[in-house]
Amino acid sequence: MKTIARMAACAPLLLLTACGGEPSETEMRAAIEKQIADANAFVGGMGKALLGKDVTTRVMSLDKHECKARADSNGYVCSFTMTTRNEMVGTRTSTLETVFLKGSDGWTAQ
C-alpha cells in the first residue's frame, strides 16, 4: 500500500518531467542531425560536382554533458561531445556548446 501511495505522489512530478525540461541525448542528436542534413543538402551536390566525391557529413556519436536553462527563452545551452565523419576531413571529435530550442515540432539546434 505504501508503494502505491508513493507512486501516486510522484506521478505529477513524472508528468512534468516528461512534458518539459531539457532535451535528452536522443533529442539533441536528432536536432543536430537535422541541422547537418540541411547543410548536406546545400553542400552535397556541389561537392560531388566540383570534387567528384561525397562531402556529406554524418554524425557517428553524440554524448551529452550538461544543459543549462536560458532565462530569455524556452531553450537550453547544452554541451556535448560529437564525432562526425565525411570524406574530405575524415573523422573528427569535438566538444561543443549549442542552444537547443523547443518548438511545436520538437527540439532544434541553433
PDB file of N, CA and C in Angstrom:
ATOM      1  N   MET A   1       0.819  -1.195   0.000  1.00  0.00           N
ATOM      2  CA  MET A   1       0.000   0.000   0.000  1.00  0.00           C
ATOM      3  C   MET A   1       0.866   1.264   0.000  1.00  0.00           C
ATOM      4  N   LYS A   2       2.003   1.233   0.734  1.00  0.00           N
ATOM      5  CA  LYS A   2       2.881   2.399   0.762  1.00  0.00           C
ATOM      6  C   LYS A   2       3.467   2.669  -0.618  1.00  0.00           C
ATOM      7  N   THR A   3       3.758   1.599  -1.361  1.00  0.00           N
ATOM      8  CA  THR A   3       4.324   1.766  -2.695  1.00  0.00           C
ATOM      9  C   THR A   3       3.341   2.478  -3.611  1.00  0.00           C
ATOM     10  N   ILE A   4       2.070   2.104  -3.548  1.00  0.00           N
ATOM     11  CA  ILE A   4       1.053   2.751  -4.381  1.00  0.00           C
ATOM     12  C   ILE A   4       0.915   4.216  -3.998  1.00  0.00           C
ATOM     13  N   ALA A   5       0.947   4.515  -2.715  1.00  0.00           N
ATOM     14  CA  ALA A   5       0.848   5.902  -2.264  1.00  0.00           C
ATOM     15  C   ALA A   5       2.037   6.720  -2.754  1.00  0.00           C
ATOM     16  N   ARG A   6       3.224   6.140  -2.711  1.00  0.00           N
ATOM     17  CA  ARG A   6       4.423   6.854  -3.196  1.00  0.00           C
ATOM     18  C   ARG A   6       4.321   7.108  -4.693  1.00  0.00           C
ATOM     19  N   MET A   7       3.880   6.082  -5.419  1.00  0.00           N
ATOM     20  CA  MET A   7       3.747   6.245  -6.872  1.00  0.00           C
ATOM     21  C   MET A   7       2.728   7.333  -7.206  1.00  0.00           C
ATOM     22  N   ALA A   8       1.619   7.354  -6.479  1.00  0.00           N
ATOM     23  CA  ALA A   8       0.593   8.377  -6.708  1.00  0.00           C
ATOM     24  C   ALA A   8       1.138   9.766  -6.401  1.00  0.00           C
ATOM     25  N   ALA A   9       1.942   9.871  -5.366  1.00  0.00           N
ATOM     26  CA  ALA A   9       2.519  11.165  -5.002  1.00  0.00           C
ATOM     27  C   ALA A   9       3.549  11.624  -6.025  1.00  0.00           C
ATOM     28  N   CYS A  10       4.263  10.698  -6.640  1.00  0.00           N
ATOM     29  CA  CYS A  10       5.315  11.043  -7.604  1.00  0.00           C
ATOM     30  C   CYS A  10       4.791  11.233  -9.022  1.00  0.00           C
ATOM     31  N   ALA A  11       3.611  10.730  -9.331  1.00  0.00           N
ATOM     32  CA  ALA A  11       3.081  10.777 -10.689  1.00  0.00           C
ATOM     33  C   ALA A  11       3.070  12.183 -11.284  1.00  0.00           C
ATOM     34  N   PRO A  12       2.597  13.207 -10.558  1.00  0.00           N
ATOM     35  CA  PRO A  12       2.622  14.562 -11.150  1.00  0.00           C
ATOM     36  C   PRO A  12       4.037  15.032 -11.482  1.00  0.00           C
ATOM     37  N   LEU A  13       5.010  14.685 -10.667  1.00  0.00           N
ATOM     38  CA  LEU A  13       6.390  15.078 -10.943  1.00  0.00           C
ATOM     39  C   LEU A  13       6.904  14.400 -12.201  1.00  0.00           C
ATOM     40  N   LEU A  14       6.567  13.134 -12.373  1.00  0.00           N
ATOM     41  CA  LEU A  14       6.999  12.413 -13.565  1.00  0.00           C
ATOM     42  C   LEU A  14       6.366  13.007 -14.812  1.00  0.00           C
ATOM     43  N   LEU A  15       5.118  13.395 -14.738  1.00  0.00           N
ATOM     44  CA  LEU A  15       4.453  14.009 -15.887  1.00  0.00           C
ATOM     45  C   LEU A  15       5.086  15.339 -16.245  1.00  0.00           C
ATOM     46  N   LEU A  16       5.415  16.136 -15.257  1.00  0.00           N
ATOM     47  CA  LEU A  16       6.070  17.410 -15.517  1.00  0.00           C
ATOM     48  C   LEU A  16       7.425  17.206 -16.158  1.00  0.00           C
ATOM     49  N   THR A  17       8.164  16.232 -15.689  1.00  0.00           N
ATOM     50  CA  THR A  17       9.479  15.937 -16.247  1.00  0.00           C
ATOM     51  C   THR A  17       9.358  15.489 -17.684  1.00  0.00           C
ATOM     52  N   ALA A  18       8.354  14.671 -17.980  1.00  0.00           N
ATOM     53  CA  ALA A  18       8.176  14.167 -19.338  1.00  0.00           C
ATOM     54  C   ALA A  18       7.738  15.278 -20.286  1.00  0.00           C
ATOM     55  N   CYS A  19       6.985  16.259 -19.807  1.00  0.00           N
ATOM     56  CA  CYS A  19       6.438  17.306 -20.664  1.00  0.00           C
ATOM     57  C   CYS A  19       7.399  18.465 -20.887  1.00  0.00           C
ATOM     58  N   GLY A  20       8.306  18.699 -19.991  1.00  0.00           N
ATOM     59  CA  GLY A  20       9.193  19.846 -20.124  1.00  0.00           C
ATOM     60  C   GLY A  20      10.606  19.460 -19.782  1.00  0.00           C
ATOM     61  N   GLY A  21      11.393  20.460 -19.529  1.00  0.00           N
ATOM     62  CA  GLY A  21      12.771  20.200 -19.155  1.00  0.00           C
ATOM     63  C   GLY A  21      13.693  20.183 -20.356  1.00  0.00           C
ATOM     64  N   GLU A  22      14.920  19.866 -20.054  1.00  0.00           N
ATOM     65  CA  GLU A  22      15.964  19.903 -21.074  1.00  0.00           C
ATOM     66  C   GLU A  22      15.844  18.752 -22.064  1.00  0.00           C
ATOM     67  N   PRO A  23      16.475  18.911 -23.244  1.00  0.00           N
ATOM     68  CA  PRO A  23      16.413  17.845 -24.239  1.00  0.00           C
ATOM     69  C   PRO A  23      17.236  16.631 -23.811  1.00  0.00           C
ATOM     70  N   SER A  24      16.768  15.469 -24.200  1.00  0.00           N
ATOM     71  CA  SER A  24      17.528  14.240 -23.938  1.00  0.00           C
ATOM     72  C   SER A  24      18.662  14.140 -24.959  1.00  0.00           C
ATOM     73  N   GLU A  25      19.569  13.228 -24.730  1.00  0.00           N
ATOM     74  CA  GLU A  25      20.671  12.999 -25.665  1.00  0.00           C
ATOM     75  C   GLU A  25      20.121  12.607 -27.044  1.00  0.00           C
ATOM     76  N   THR A  26      19.083  11.784 -27.070  1.00  0.00           N
ATOM     77  CA  THR A  26      18.461  11.361 -28.327  1.00  0.00           C
ATOM     78  C   THR A  26      17.847  12.549 -29.050  1.00  0.00           C
ATOM     79  N   GLU A  27      17.175  13.429 -28.317  1.00  0.00           N
ATOM     80  CA  GLU A  27      16.568  14.625 -28.920  1.00  0.00           C
ATOM     81  C   GLU A  27      17.636  15.582 -29.430  1.00  0.00           C
ATOM     82  N   MET A  28      18.733  15.710 -28.690  1.00  0.00           N
ATOM     83  CA  MET A  28      19.830  16.565 -29.132  1.00  0.00           C
ATOM     84  C   MET A  28      20.427  16.036 -30.437  1.00  0.00           C
ATOM     85  N   ARG A  29      20.661  14.726 -30.483  1.00  0.00           N
ATOM     86  CA  ARG A  29      21.239  14.131 -31.701  1.00  0.00           C
ATOM     87  C   ARG A  29      20.312  14.332 -32.890  1.00  0.00           C
ATOM     88  N   ALA A  30      19.011  14.129 -32.702  1.00  0.00           N
ATOM     89  CA  ALA A  30      18.063  14.323 -33.793  1.00  0.00           C
ATOM     90  C   ALA A  30      18.088  15.768 -34.297  1.00  0.00           C
ATOM     91  N   ALA A  31      18.172  16.735 -33.386  1.00  0.00           N
ATOM     92  CA  ALA A  31      18.216  18.153 -33.770  1.00  0.00           C
ATOM     93  C   ALA A  31      19.504  18.468 -34.529  1.00  0.00           C
ATOM     94  N   ILE A  32      20.627  17.945 -34.062  1.00  0.00           N
ATOM     95  CA  ILE A  32      21.909  18.163 -34.746  1.00  0.00           C
ATOM     96  C   ILE A  32      21.900  17.484 -36.114  1.00  0.00           C
ATOM     97  N   GLU A  33      21.381  16.265 -36.188  1.00  0.00           N
ATOM     98  CA  GLU A  33      21.327  15.558 -37.466  1.00  0.00           C
ATOM     99  C   GLU A  33      20.445  16.303 -38.469  1.00  0.00           C
ATOM    100  N   LYS A  34      19.371  16.933 -38.018  1.00  0.00           N
ATOM    101  CA  LYS A  34      18.516  17.733 -38.894  1.00  0.00           C
ATOM    102  C   LYS A  34      19.284  18.937 -39.425  1.00  0.00           C
ATOM    103  N   GLN A  35      20.021  19.585 -38.536  1.00  0.00           N
ATOM    104  CA  GLN A  35      20.822  20.745 -38.931  1.00  0.00           C
ATOM    105  C   GLN A  35      21.888  20.332 -39.961  1.00  0.00           C
ATOM    106  N   ILE A  36      22.542  19.203 -39.721  1.00  0.00           N
ATOM    107  CA  ILE A  36      23.576  18.716 -40.643  1.00  0.00           C
ATOM    108  C   ILE A  36      22.950  18.282 -41.967  1.00  0.00           C
ATOM    109  N   ALA A  37      21.761  17.668 -41.915  1.00  0.00           N
ATOM    110  CA  ALA A  37      21.081  17.263 -43.152  1.00  0.00           C
ATOM    111  C   ALA A  37      20.782  18.476 -44.027  1.00  0.00           C
ATOM    112  N   ASP A  38      20.386  19.576 -43.414  1.00  0.00           N
ATOM    113  CA  ASP A  38      20.131  20.803 -44.163  1.00  0.00           C
ATOM    114  C   ASP A  38      21.417  21.297 -44.836  1.00  0.00           C
ATOM    115  N   ALA A  39      22.532  21.261 -44.109  1.00  0.00           N
ATOM    116  CA  ALA A  39      23.826  21.675 -44.672  1.00  0.00           C
ATOM    117  C   ALA A  39      24.262  20.705 -45.770  1.00  0.00           C
ATOM    118  N   ASN A  40      24.050  19.410 -45.543  1.00  0.00           N
ATOM    119  CA  ASN A  40      24.414  18.408 -46.551  1.00  0.00           C
ATOM    120  C   ASN A  40      23.642  18.620 -47.841  1.00  0.00           C
ATOM    121  N   ALA A  41      22.369  18.977 -47.733  1.00  0.00           N
ATOM    122  CA  ALA A  41      21.545  19.212 -48.923  1.00  0.00           C
ATOM    123  C   ALA A  41      22.108  20.367 -49.741  1.00  0.00           C
ATOM    124  N   PHE A  42      22.635  21.366 -49.061  1.00  0.00           N
ATOM    125  CA  PHE A  42      23.205  22.529 -49.735  1.00  0.00           C
ATOM    126  C   PHE A  42      24.573  22.217 -50.339  1.00  0.00           C
ATOM    127  N   VAL A  43      25.439  21.575 -49.559  1.00  0.00           N
ATOM    128  CA  VAL A  43      26.831  21.358 -49.948  1.00  0.00           C
ATOM    129  C   VAL A  43      27.039  20.073 -50.744  1.00  0.00           C
ATOM    130  N   GLY A  44      26.238  19.069 -50.466  1.00  0.00           N
ATOM    131  CA  GLY A  44      26.455  17.750 -51.052  1.00  0.00           C
ATOM    132  C   GLY A  44      26.549  17.717 -52.561  1.00  0.00           C
ATOM    133  N   GLY A  45      25.589  18.311 -53.220  1.00  0.00           N
ATOM    134  CA  GLY A  45      25.594  18.301 -54.681  1.00  0.00           C
ATOM    135  C   GLY A  45      26.767  19.056 -55.270  1.00  0.00           C
ATOM    136  N   MET A  46      27.112  20.188 -54.683  1.00  0.00           N
ATOM    137  CA  MET A  46      28.246  20.975 -55.180  1.00  0.00           C
ATOM    138  C   MET A  46      29.553  20.211 -55.013  1.00  0.00           C
ATOM    139  N   GLY A  47      29.702  19.568 -53.854  1.00  0.00           N
ATOM    140  CA  GLY A  47      30.937  18.821 -53.605  1.00  0.00           C
ATOM    141  C   GLY A  47      31.116  17.693 -54.586  1.00  0.00           C
ATOM    142  N   LYS A  48      30.042  16.994 -54.864  1.00  0.00           N
ATOM    143  CA  LYS A  48      30.098  15.873 -55.809  1.00  0.00           C
ATOM    144  C   LYS A  48      30.451  16.385 -57.206  1.00  0.00           C
ATOM    145  N   ALA A  49      29.847  17.506 -57.595  1.00  0.00           N
ATOM    146  CA  ALA A  49      30.097  18.059 -58.928  1.00  0.00           C
ATOM    147  C   ALA A  49      31.512  18.622 -59.050  1.00  0.00           C
ATOM    148  N   LEU A  50      31.969  19.354 -58.026  1.00  0.00           N
ATOM    149  CA  LEU A  50      33.278  20.009 -58.097  1.00  0.00           C
ATOM    150  C   LEU A  50      34.442  19.087 -57.777  1.00  0.00           C
ATOM    151  N   LEU A  51      34.252  18.209 -56.803  1.00  0.00           N
ATOM    152  CA  LEU A  51      35.354  17.388 -56.314  1.00  0.00           C
ATOM    153  C   LEU A  51      35.254  15.919 -56.720  1.00  0.00           C
ATOM    154  N   GLY A  52      34.108  15.542 -57.217  1.00  0.00           N
ATOM    155  CA  GLY A  52      33.934  14.160 -57.619  1.00  0.00           C
ATOM    156  C   GLY A  52      33.817  13.181 -56.472  1.00  0.00           C
ATOM    157  N   LYS A  53      33.532  13.691 -55.268  1.00  0.00           N
ATOM    158  CA  LYS A  53      33.351  12.785 -54.131  1.00  0.00           C
ATOM    159  C   LYS A  53      32.281  13.292 -53.190  1.00  0.00           C
ATOM    160  N   ASP A  54      31.783  12.384 -52.403  1.00  0.00           N
ATOM    161  CA  ASP A  54      30.736  12.703 -51.435  1.00  0.00           C
ATOM    162  C   ASP A  54      31.344  13.518 -50.293  1.00  0.00           C
ATOM    163  N   VAL A  55      30.800  14.702 -50.036  1.00  0.00           N
ATOM    164  CA  VAL A  55      31.321  15.539 -48.949  1.00  0.00           C
ATOM    165  C   VAL A  55      30.293  15.712 -47.830  1.00  0.00           C
ATOM    166  N   THR A  56      29.261  14.880 -47.846  1.00  0.00           N
ATOM    167  CA  THR A  56      28.258  14.986 -46.791  1.00  0.00           C
ATOM    168  C   THR A  56      28.826  14.511 -45.459  1.00  0.00           C
ATOM    169  N   THR A  57      28.314  15.097 -44.392  1.00  0.00           N
ATOM    170  CA  THR A  57      28.765  14.793 -43.040  1.00  0.00           C
ATOM    171  C   THR A  57      27.741  13.915 -42.345  1.00  0.00           C
ATOM    172  N   ARG A  58      28.236  12.953 -41.585  1.00  0.00           N
ATOM    173  CA  ARG A  58      27.379  12.067 -40.800  1.00  0.00           C
ATOM    174  C   ARG A  58      27.769  12.139 -39.332  1.00  0.00           C
ATOM    175  N   VAL A  59      26.764  12.102 -38.461  1.00  0.00           N
ATOM    176  CA  VAL A  59      27.013  12.041 -37.019  1.00  0.00           C
ATOM    177  C   VAL A  59      27.254  10.582 -36.655  1.00  0.00           C
ATOM    178  N   MET A  60      28.419  10.311 -36.103  1.00  0.00           N
ATOM    179  CA  MET A  60      28.747   8.947 -35.688  1.00  0.00           C
ATOM    180  C   MET A  60      28.327   8.701 -34.233  1.00  0.00           C
ATOM    181  N   SER A  61      28.504   9.726 -33.392  1.00  0.00           N
ATOM    182  CA  SER A  61      28.088   9.615 -31.985  1.00  0.00           C
ATOM    183  C   SER A  61      27.895  11.005 -31.397  1.00  0.00           C
ATOM    184  N   LEU A  62      27.075  11.063 -30.361  1.00  0.00           N
ATOM    185  CA  LEU A  62      26.864  12.311 -29.625  1.00  0.00           C
ATOM    186  C   LEU A  62      26.654  11.942 -28.168  1.00  0.00           C
ATOM    187  N   ASP A  63      27.482  12.515 -27.301  1.00  0.00           N
ATOM    188  CA  ASP A  63      27.406  12.267 -25.863  1.00  0.00           C
ATOM    189  C   ASP A  63      27.108  13.580 -25.146  1.00  0.00           C
ATOM    190  N   LYS A  64      25.949  13.635 -24.513  1.00  0.00           N
ATOM    191  CA  LYS A  64      25.509  14.832 -23.784  1.00  0.00           C
ATOM    192  C   LYS A  64      26.299  14.976 -22.492  1.00  0.00           C
ATOM    193  N   HIS A  65      26.687  16.231 -22.182  1.00  0.00           N
ATOM    194  CA  HIS A  65      27.354  16.531 -20.907  1.00  0.00           C
ATOM    195  C   HIS A  65      26.373  17.191 -19.947  1.00  0.00           C
ATOM    196  N   GLU A  66      25.990  18.419 -20.241  1.00  0.00           N
ATOM    197  CA  GLU A  66      25.040  19.119 -19.372  1.00  0.00           C
ATOM    198  C   GLU A  66      24.288  20.176 -20.152  1.00  0.00           C
ATOM    199  N   CYS A  67      23.147  20.558 -19.608  1.00  0.00           N
ATOM    200  CA  CYS A  67      22.336  21.623 -20.200  1.00  0.00           C
ATOM    201  C   CYS A  67      21.983  22.635 -19.110  1.00  0.00           C
ATOM    202  N   LYS A  68      21.964  23.900 -19.513  1.00  0.00           N
ATOM    203  CA  LYS A  68      21.569  24.973 -18.601  1.00  0.00           C
ATOM    204  C   LYS A  68      20.438  25.750 -19.249  1.00  0.00           C
ATOM    205  N   ALA A  69      19.378  25.987 -18.476  1.00  0.00           N
ATOM    206  CA  ALA A  69      18.221  26.722 -18.987  1.00  0.00           C
ATOM    207  C   ALA A  69      18.603  28.148 -19.331  1.00  0.00           C
ATOM    208  N   ARG A  70      18.023  28.652 -20.419  1.00  0.00           N
ATOM    209  CA  ARG A  70      18.209  30.052 -20.791  1.00  0.00           C
ATOM    210  C   ARG A  70      17.056  30.840 -20.204  1.00  0.00           C
ATOM    211  N   ALA A  71      17.365  31.930 -19.551  1.00  0.00           N
ATOM    212  CA  ALA A  71      16.340  32.749 -18.908  1.00  0.00           C
ATOM    213  C   ALA A  71      15.479  33.487 -19.931  1.00  0.00           C
ATOM    214  N   ASP A  72      16.024  33.724 -21.124  1.00  0.00           N
ATOM    215  CA  ASP A  72      15.322  34.535 -22.113  1.00  0.00           C
ATOM    216  C   ASP A  72      14.468  33.733 -23.102  1.00  0.00           C
ATOM    217  N   SER A  73      14.376  32.412 -22.929  1.00  0.00           N
ATOM    218  CA  SER A  73      13.601  31.617 -23.893  1.00  0.00           C
ATOM    219  C   SER A  73      13.249  30.261 -23.302  1.00  0.00           C
ATOM    220  N   ASN A  74      12.610  29.454 -24.135  1.00  0.00           N
ATOM    221  CA  ASN A  74      12.294  28.093 -23.734  1.00  0.00           C
ATOM    222  C   ASN A  74      13.408  27.141 -24.163  1.00  0.00           C
ATOM    223  N   GLY A  75      14.619  27.652 -24.214  1.00  0.00           N
ATOM    224  CA  GLY A  75      15.753  26.877 -24.691  1.00  0.00           C
ATOM    225  C   GLY A  75      16.761  26.548 -23.606  1.00  0.00           C
ATOM    226  N   TYR A  76      17.711  25.742 -23.994  1.00  0.00           N
ATOM    227  CA  TYR A  76      18.799  25.307 -23.125  1.00  0.00           C
ATOM    228  C   TYR A  76      20.105  25.429 -23.878  1.00  0.00           C
ATOM    229  N   VAL A  77      21.160  25.784 -23.171  1.00  0.00           N
ATOM    230  CA  VAL A  77      22.509  25.744 -23.715  1.00  0.00           C
ATOM    231  C   VAL A  77      23.094  24.426 -23.232  1.00  0.00           C
ATOM    232  N   CYS A  78      23.406  23.560 -24.185  1.00  0.00           N
ATOM    233  CA  CYS A  78      23.872  22.217 -23.835  1.00  0.00           C
ATOM    234  C   CYS A  78      25.283  21.987 -24.365  1.00  0.00           C
ATOM    235  N   SER A  79      26.089  21.331 -23.560  1.00  0.00           N
ATOM    236  CA  SER A  79      27.420  20.929 -24.002  1.00  0.00           C
ATOM    237  C   SER A  79      27.394  19.433 -24.293  1.00  0.00           C
ATOM    238  N   PHE A  80      28.169  19.047 -25.311  1.00  0.00           N
ATOM    239  CA  PHE A  80      28.206  17.650 -25.728  1.00  0.00           C
ATOM    240  C   PHE A  80      29.463  17.391 -26.537  1.00  0.00           C
ATOM    241  N   THR A  81      29.826  16.135 -26.633  1.00  0.00           N
ATOM    242  CA  THR A  81      30.931  15.715 -27.484  1.00  0.00           C
ATOM    243  C   THR A  81      30.334  14.938 -28.643  1.00  0.00           C
ATOM    244  N   MET A  82      30.746  15.313 -29.849  1.00  0.00           N
ATOM    245  CA  MET A  82      30.187  14.705 -31.043  1.00  0.00           C
ATOM    246  C   MET A  82      31.308  14.246 -31.966  1.00  0.00           C
ATOM    247  N   THR A  83      31.127  13.073 -32.546  1.00  0.00           N
ATOM    248  CA  THR A  83      32.045  12.565 -33.553  1.00  0.00           C
ATOM    249  C   THR A  83      31.314  12.555 -34.882  1.00  0.00           C
ATOM    250  N   THR A  84      31.932  13.198 -35.886  1.00  0.00           N
ATOM    251  CA  THR A  84      31.365  13.256 -37.225  1.00  0.00           C
ATOM    252  C   THR A  84      32.353  12.670 -38.226  1.00  0.00           C
ATOM    253  N   ARG A  85      31.833  12.343 -39.398  1.00  0.00           N
ATOM    254  CA  ARG A  85      32.684  11.803 -40.461  1.00  0.00           C
ATOM    255  C   ARG A  85      32.212  12.324 -41.800  1.00  0.00           C
ATOM    256  N   ASN A  86      33.191  12.722 -42.613  1.00  0.00           N
ATOM    257  CA  ASN A  86      32.942  12.974 -44.036  1.00  0.00           C
ATOM    258  C   ASN A  86      34.211  12.661 -44.805  1.00  0.00           C
ATOM    259  N   GLU A  87      34.081  12.488 -46.110  1.00  0.00           N
ATOM    260  CA  GLU A  87      35.195  12.030 -46.939  1.00  0.00           C
ATOM    261  C   GLU A  87      36.316  13.061 -47.065  1.00  0.00           C
ATOM    262  N   MET A  88      35.992  14.335 -46.907  1.00  0.00           N
ATOM    263  CA  MET A  88      37.013  15.381 -47.064  1.00  0.00           C
ATOM    264  C   MET A  88      37.935  15.489 -45.853  1.00  0.00           C
ATOM    265  N   VAL A  89      37.376  15.465 -44.658  1.00  0.00           N
ATOM    266  CA  VAL A  89      38.191  15.686 -43.456  1.00  0.00           C
ATOM    267  C   VAL A  89      38.323  14.446 -42.583  1.00  0.00           C
ATOM    268  N   GLY A  90      37.638  13.372 -42.925  1.00  0.00           N
ATOM    269  CA  GLY A  90      37.721  12.147 -42.135  1.00  0.00           C
ATOM    270  C   GLY A  90      36.843  12.217 -40.896  1.00  0.00           C
ATOM    271  N   THR A  91      37.308  11.568 -39.848  1.00  0.00           N
ATOM    272  CA  THR A  91      36.556  11.522 -38.595  1.00  0.00           C
ATOM    273  C   THR A  91      37.082  12.589 -37.655  1.00  0.00           C
ATOM    274  N   ARG A  92      36.158  13.341 -37.077  1.00  0.00           N
ATOM    275  CA  ARG A  92      36.528  14.396 -36.125  1.00  0.00           C
ATOM    276  C   ARG A  92      35.664  14.298 -34.884  1.00  0.00           C
ATOM    277  N   THR A  93      36.291  14.521 -33.729  1.00  0.00           N
ATOM    278  CA  THR A  93      35.566  14.571 -32.466  1.00  0.00           C
ATOM    279  C   THR A  93      35.754  15.958 -31.880  1.00  0.00           C
ATOM    280  N   SER A  94      34.642  16.584 -31.518  1.00  0.00           N
ATOM    281  CA  SER A  94      34.668  17.943 -30.977  1.00  0.00           C
ATOM    282  C   SER A  94      33.743  18.035 -29.779  1.00  0.00           C
ATOM    283  N   THR A  95      34.122  18.865 -28.820  1.00  0.00           N
ATOM    284  CA  THR A  95      33.233  19.197 -27.713  1.00  0.00           C
ATOM    285  C   THR A  95      32.656  20.565 -28.017  1.00  0.00           C
ATOM    286  N   LEU A  96      31.333  20.644 -28.010  1.00  0.00           N
ATOM    287  CA  LEU A  96      30.621  21.837 -28.449  1.00  0.00           C
ATOM    288  C   LEU A  96      29.619  22.295 -27.407  1.00  0.00           C
ATOM    289  N   GLU A  97      29.154  23.510 -27.591  1.00  0.00           N
ATOM    290  CA  GLU A  97      28.072  24.066 -26.782  1.00  0.00           C
ATOM    291  C   GLU A  97      27.097  24.708 -27.769  1.00  0.00           C
ATOM    292  N   THR A  98      25.848  24.280 -27.715  1.00  0.00           N
ATOM    293  CA  THR A  98      24.844  24.729 -28.671  1.00  0.00           C
ATOM    294  C   THR A  98      23.550  25.044 -27.947  1.00  0.00           C
ATOM    295  N   VAL A  99      22.783  25.983 -28.495  1.00  0.00           N
ATOM    296  CA  VAL A  99      21.466  26.305 -27.965  1.00  0.00           C
ATOM    297  C   VAL A  99      20.445  25.372 -28.611  1.00  0.00           C
ATOM    298  N   PHE A 100      19.605  24.759 -27.787  1.00  0.00           N
ATOM    299  CA  PHE A 100      18.509  23.917 -28.247  1.00  0.00           C
ATOM    300  C   PHE A 100      17.207  24.587 -27.832  1.00  0.00           C
ATOM    301  N   LEU A 101      16.310  24.784 -28.816  1.00  0.00           N
ATOM    302  CA  LEU A 101      15.023  25.425 -28.554  1.00  0.00           C
ATOM    303  C   LEU A 101      13.899  24.423 -28.783  1.00  0.00           C
ATOM    304  N   LYS A 102      12.932  24.452 -27.888  1.00  0.00           N
ATOM    305  CA  LYS A 102      11.776  23.555 -28.005  1.00  0.00           C
ATOM    306  C   LYS A 102      10.684  24.264 -28.766  1.00  0.00           C
ATOM    307  N   GLY A 103      10.229  23.645 -29.852  1.00  0.00           N
ATOM    308  CA  GLY A 103       9.143  24.189 -30.656  1.00  0.00           C
ATOM    309  C   GLY A 103       8.043  23.172 -30.811  1.00  0.00           C
ATOM    310  N   SER A 104       7.056  23.504 -31.603  1.00  0.00           N
ATOM    311  CA  SER A 104       5.922  22.601 -31.796  1.00  0.00           C
ATOM    312  C   SER A 104       6.330  21.315 -32.512  1.00  0.00           C
ATOM    313  N   ASP A 105       7.420  21.356 -33.262  1.00  0.00           N
ATOM    314  CA  ASP A 105       7.911  20.171 -33.967  1.00  0.00           C
ATOM    315  C   ASP A 105       9.057  19.484 -33.239  1.00  0.00           C
ATOM    316  N   GLY A 106       9.272  19.830 -31.978  1.00  0.00           N
ATOM    317  CA  GLY A 106      10.365  19.228 -31.212  1.00  0.00           C
ATOM    318  C   GLY A 106      11.526  20.197 -31.045  1.00  0.00           C
ATOM    319  N   TRP A 107      12.682  19.641 -30.763  1.00  0.00           N
ATOM    320  CA  TRP A 107      13.874  20.434 -30.494  1.00  0.00           C
ATOM    321  C   TRP A 107      14.600  20.790 -31.780  1.00  0.00           C
ATOM    322  N   THR A 108      15.157  22.026 -31.810  1.00  0.00           N
ATOM    323  CA  THR A 108      16.009  22.442 -32.902  1.00  0.00           C
ATOM    324  C   THR A 108      17.316  22.945 -32.327  1.00  0.00           C
ATOM    325  N   ALA A 109      18.397  22.750 -33.075  1.00  0.00           N
ATOM    326  CA  ALA A 109      19.714  23.251 -32.686  1.00  0.00           C
ATOM    327  C   ALA A 109      19.918  24.587 -33.382  1.00  0.00           C
ATOM    328  N   GLN A 110      20.413  25.570 -32.634  1.00  0.00           N
ATOM    329  CA  GLN A 110      20.592  26.913 -33.189  1.00  0.00           C
ATOM    330  C   GLN A 110      22.048  27.199 -33.447  1.00  0.00           C
TER     331      GLN A 110
END
